[in-house]
Amino acid sequence: MAVTLINPDGLPKPEVYRQLSIATGSKLVFLAGQVARDAEGRPVGEGDLAAQVEQAYLNIGTALTEVGGSFDDVAKLTIYVVDWLPEKMPLLGEGVARAAATMGVDPVKPITLLGVAALGEPDLLVEVEATAVID
C-alpha cells in the first residue's frame, strides 16, 4: 500500500481518525468534494446526514477504483458538514461505518472536519474531498 496511517507519540490518539499519513506511492490523486448524488446525479438521502455521508464515501471509492486505486489509498479527507454540532457525530460515524462495510475498507484516515453554513446546493448536508496516493 502507498499510504501508512499512524498516531505518533506525543499527540492524542483518537479512535475515529489518524493524525498522520505517510504516502510513498507514485500517483497523487486530488478528488473534488463528493456529495450525496448517485451516478445519474440524482439526490441520495434527502435530509439524512448518515445516508449522505455514506454516498459521499462510496463516490470516493468509485472514483478511485476508476483510476486504479481504492478507498484504502486515501491519505487525507476533508469533511464539510452544514450547521455542524457535536450531536451530529453519531450520524457521521454511522454513514462512514456503512460505507466502510460496503467497500470492505478501514475508513480511519487523517480527517479535517469543518462546519459550514451551506454547500453548493440546498439539499446537501455534507461534502467530502479526498487526497489519495496510488502505487
Protein backbone atom coordinates (compact mmCIF):
# COMPACT_ATOMS: atom_id res chain seq x y z
CA MET A 1 0.00 0.00 0.00
CA ALA A 2 1.11 3.52 -0.74
CA VAL A 3 -0.35 5.03 2.44
CA THR A 4 0.64 4.26 6.04
CA LEU A 5 -1.52 5.78 8.78
CA ILE A 6 -0.25 6.41 12.33
CA ASN A 7 -0.93 8.26 15.54
CA PRO A 8 2.56 9.38 16.60
CA ASP A 9 3.73 9.50 20.20
CA GLY A 10 3.30 12.92 21.76
CA LEU A 11 -0.11 13.53 20.09
CA PRO A 12 -3.61 12.42 21.10
CA LYS A 13 -4.56 9.02 19.70
CA PRO A 14 -8.19 9.30 18.56
CA GLU A 15 -10.00 6.14 17.57
CA VAL A 16 -12.01 7.69 14.73
CA TYR A 17 -9.11 9.15 12.71
CA ARG A 18 -5.31 9.17 12.44
CA GLN A 19 -3.06 12.16 12.99
CA LEU A 20 -0.58 11.34 10.23
CA SER A 21 -0.46 9.80 6.79
CA ILE A 22 2.81 8.75 5.15
CA ALA A 23 2.49 8.43 1.37
CA THR A 24 5.03 6.57 -0.76
CA GLY A 25 3.13 5.90 -3.99
CA SER A 26 3.83 7.34 -7.41
CA LYS A 27 0.41 8.78 -8.37
CA LEU A 28 -1.12 11.63 -6.34
CA VAL A 29 -4.89 11.95 -6.76
CA PHE A 30 -6.86 15.03 -5.71
CA LEU A 31 -10.58 14.26 -5.71
CA ALA A 32 -13.18 17.01 -5.84
CA GLY A 33 -15.64 17.17 -2.98
CA GLN A 34 -18.09 14.29 -3.25
CA VAL A 35 -21.72 14.72 -2.28
CA ALA A 36 -24.89 12.64 -1.98
CA ARG A 37 -25.54 12.09 -5.69
CA ASP A 38 -25.74 8.74 -7.48
CA ALA A 39 -24.11 8.00 -10.85
CA GLU A 40 -27.01 9.71 -12.67
CA GLY A 41 -26.75 12.82 -10.48
CA ARG A 42 -29.91 12.07 -8.50
CA PRO A 43 -30.02 13.14 -4.83
CA VAL A 44 -29.47 10.41 -2.23
CA GLY A 45 -30.60 10.61 1.40
CA GLU A 46 -32.51 13.86 1.40
CA GLY A 47 -32.43 15.23 4.96
CA ASP A 48 -30.46 12.18 6.19
CA LEU A 49 -26.88 13.01 7.21
CA ALA A 50 -25.82 9.37 7.63
CA ALA A 51 -27.11 8.42 4.16
CA GLN A 52 -25.40 11.43 2.59
CA VAL A 53 -22.07 10.65 4.27
CA GLU A 54 -22.35 7.04 3.10
CA GLN A 55 -22.97 8.10 -0.50
CA ALA A 56 -20.11 10.63 -0.49
CA TYR A 57 -17.69 7.96 0.79
CA LEU A 58 -18.96 5.43 -1.76
CA ASN A 59 -18.45 8.01 -4.52
CA ILE A 60 -14.84 8.44 -3.39
CA GLY A 61 -14.34 4.69 -3.60
CA THR A 62 -15.91 4.58 -7.06
CA ALA A 63 -13.73 7.42 -8.36
CA LEU A 64 -10.54 5.87 -7.03
CA THR A 65 -11.40 2.47 -8.50
CA GLU A 66 -11.73 4.16 -11.89
CA VAL A 67 -8.08 5.35 -11.70
CA GLY A 68 -6.63 2.07 -10.42
CA GLY A 69 -6.92 2.64 -6.69
CA SER A 70 -9.38 2.16 -3.85
CA PHE A 71 -10.56 3.90 -0.72
CA ASP A 72 -7.61 2.26 1.05
CA ASP A 73 -5.34 4.63 -0.92
CA VAL A 74 -6.86 7.74 0.68
CA ALA A 75 -4.20 9.74 2.51
CA LYS A 76 -6.42 12.60 3.79
CA LEU A 77 -10.09 13.58 3.93
CA THR A 78 -11.74 16.93 4.48
CA ILE A 79 -15.39 16.75 5.54
CA TYR A 80 -17.69 19.77 5.32
CA VAL A 81 -20.93 19.47 7.32
CA VAL A 82 -23.73 22.02 7.13
CA ASP A 83 -24.63 23.52 10.53
CA TRP A 84 -22.23 21.21 12.40
CA LEU A 85 -22.95 20.40 16.03
CA PRO A 86 -21.16 17.72 18.08
CA GLU A 87 -24.52 15.95 18.41
CA LYS A 88 -24.24 15.07 14.71
CA MET A 89 -21.13 12.92 15.29
CA PRO A 90 -23.09 9.62 15.67
CA LEU A 91 -24.80 10.20 12.30
CA LEU A 92 -21.46 10.99 10.67
CA GLY A 93 -19.99 7.82 12.17
CA GLU A 94 -22.98 5.74 11.06
CA GLY A 95 -22.59 6.87 7.44
CA VAL A 96 -18.85 6.22 7.48
CA ALA A 97 -19.35 2.76 9.00
CA ARG A 98 -21.98 1.76 6.43
CA ALA A 99 -19.79 2.89 3.53
CA ALA A 100 -16.76 1.10 5.00
CA ALA A 101 -18.76 -2.12 5.37
CA THR A 102 -19.99 -1.89 1.77
CA MET A 103 -16.47 -1.26 0.41
CA GLY A 104 -14.73 -3.63 2.84
CA VAL A 105 -12.22 -0.97 3.92
CA ASP A 106 -10.88 0.65 7.06
CA PRO A 107 -12.28 4.21 6.93
CA VAL A 108 -9.96 5.60 9.61
CA LYS A 109 -7.89 8.33 7.91
CA PRO A 110 -6.47 11.74 8.78
CA ILE A 111 -9.58 13.93 8.67
CA THR A 112 -10.31 17.62 8.93
CA LEU A 113 -13.94 18.25 9.89
CA LEU A 114 -15.38 21.67 9.17
CA GLY A 115 -18.79 23.10 9.94
CA VAL A 116 -20.12 25.31 7.14
CA ALA A 117 -23.21 27.46 6.66
CA ALA A 118 -24.15 25.90 3.31
CA LEU A 119 -22.87 23.86 0.38
CA GLY A 120 -23.36 24.26 -3.38
CA GLU A 121 -26.95 23.01 -3.42
CA PRO A 122 -29.59 23.48 -0.70
CA ASP A 123 -30.32 19.75 -0.17
CA LEU A 124 -26.69 18.87 0.57
CA LEU A 125 -25.75 18.23 4.20
CA VAL A 126 -22.17 17.03 3.67
CA GLU A 127 -19.32 17.17 1.17
CA VAL A 128 -16.18 15.03 1.42
CA GLU A 129 -12.97 15.69 -0.51
CA ALA A 130 -10.06 13.29 -0.65
CA THR A 131 -6.39 13.12 -1.46
CA ALA A 132 -5.08 9.67 -2.36
CA VAL A 133 -1.74 8.13 -3.27
CA ILE A 134 -1.64 5.14 -5.60
CA ASP A 135 1.37 2.92 -6.35
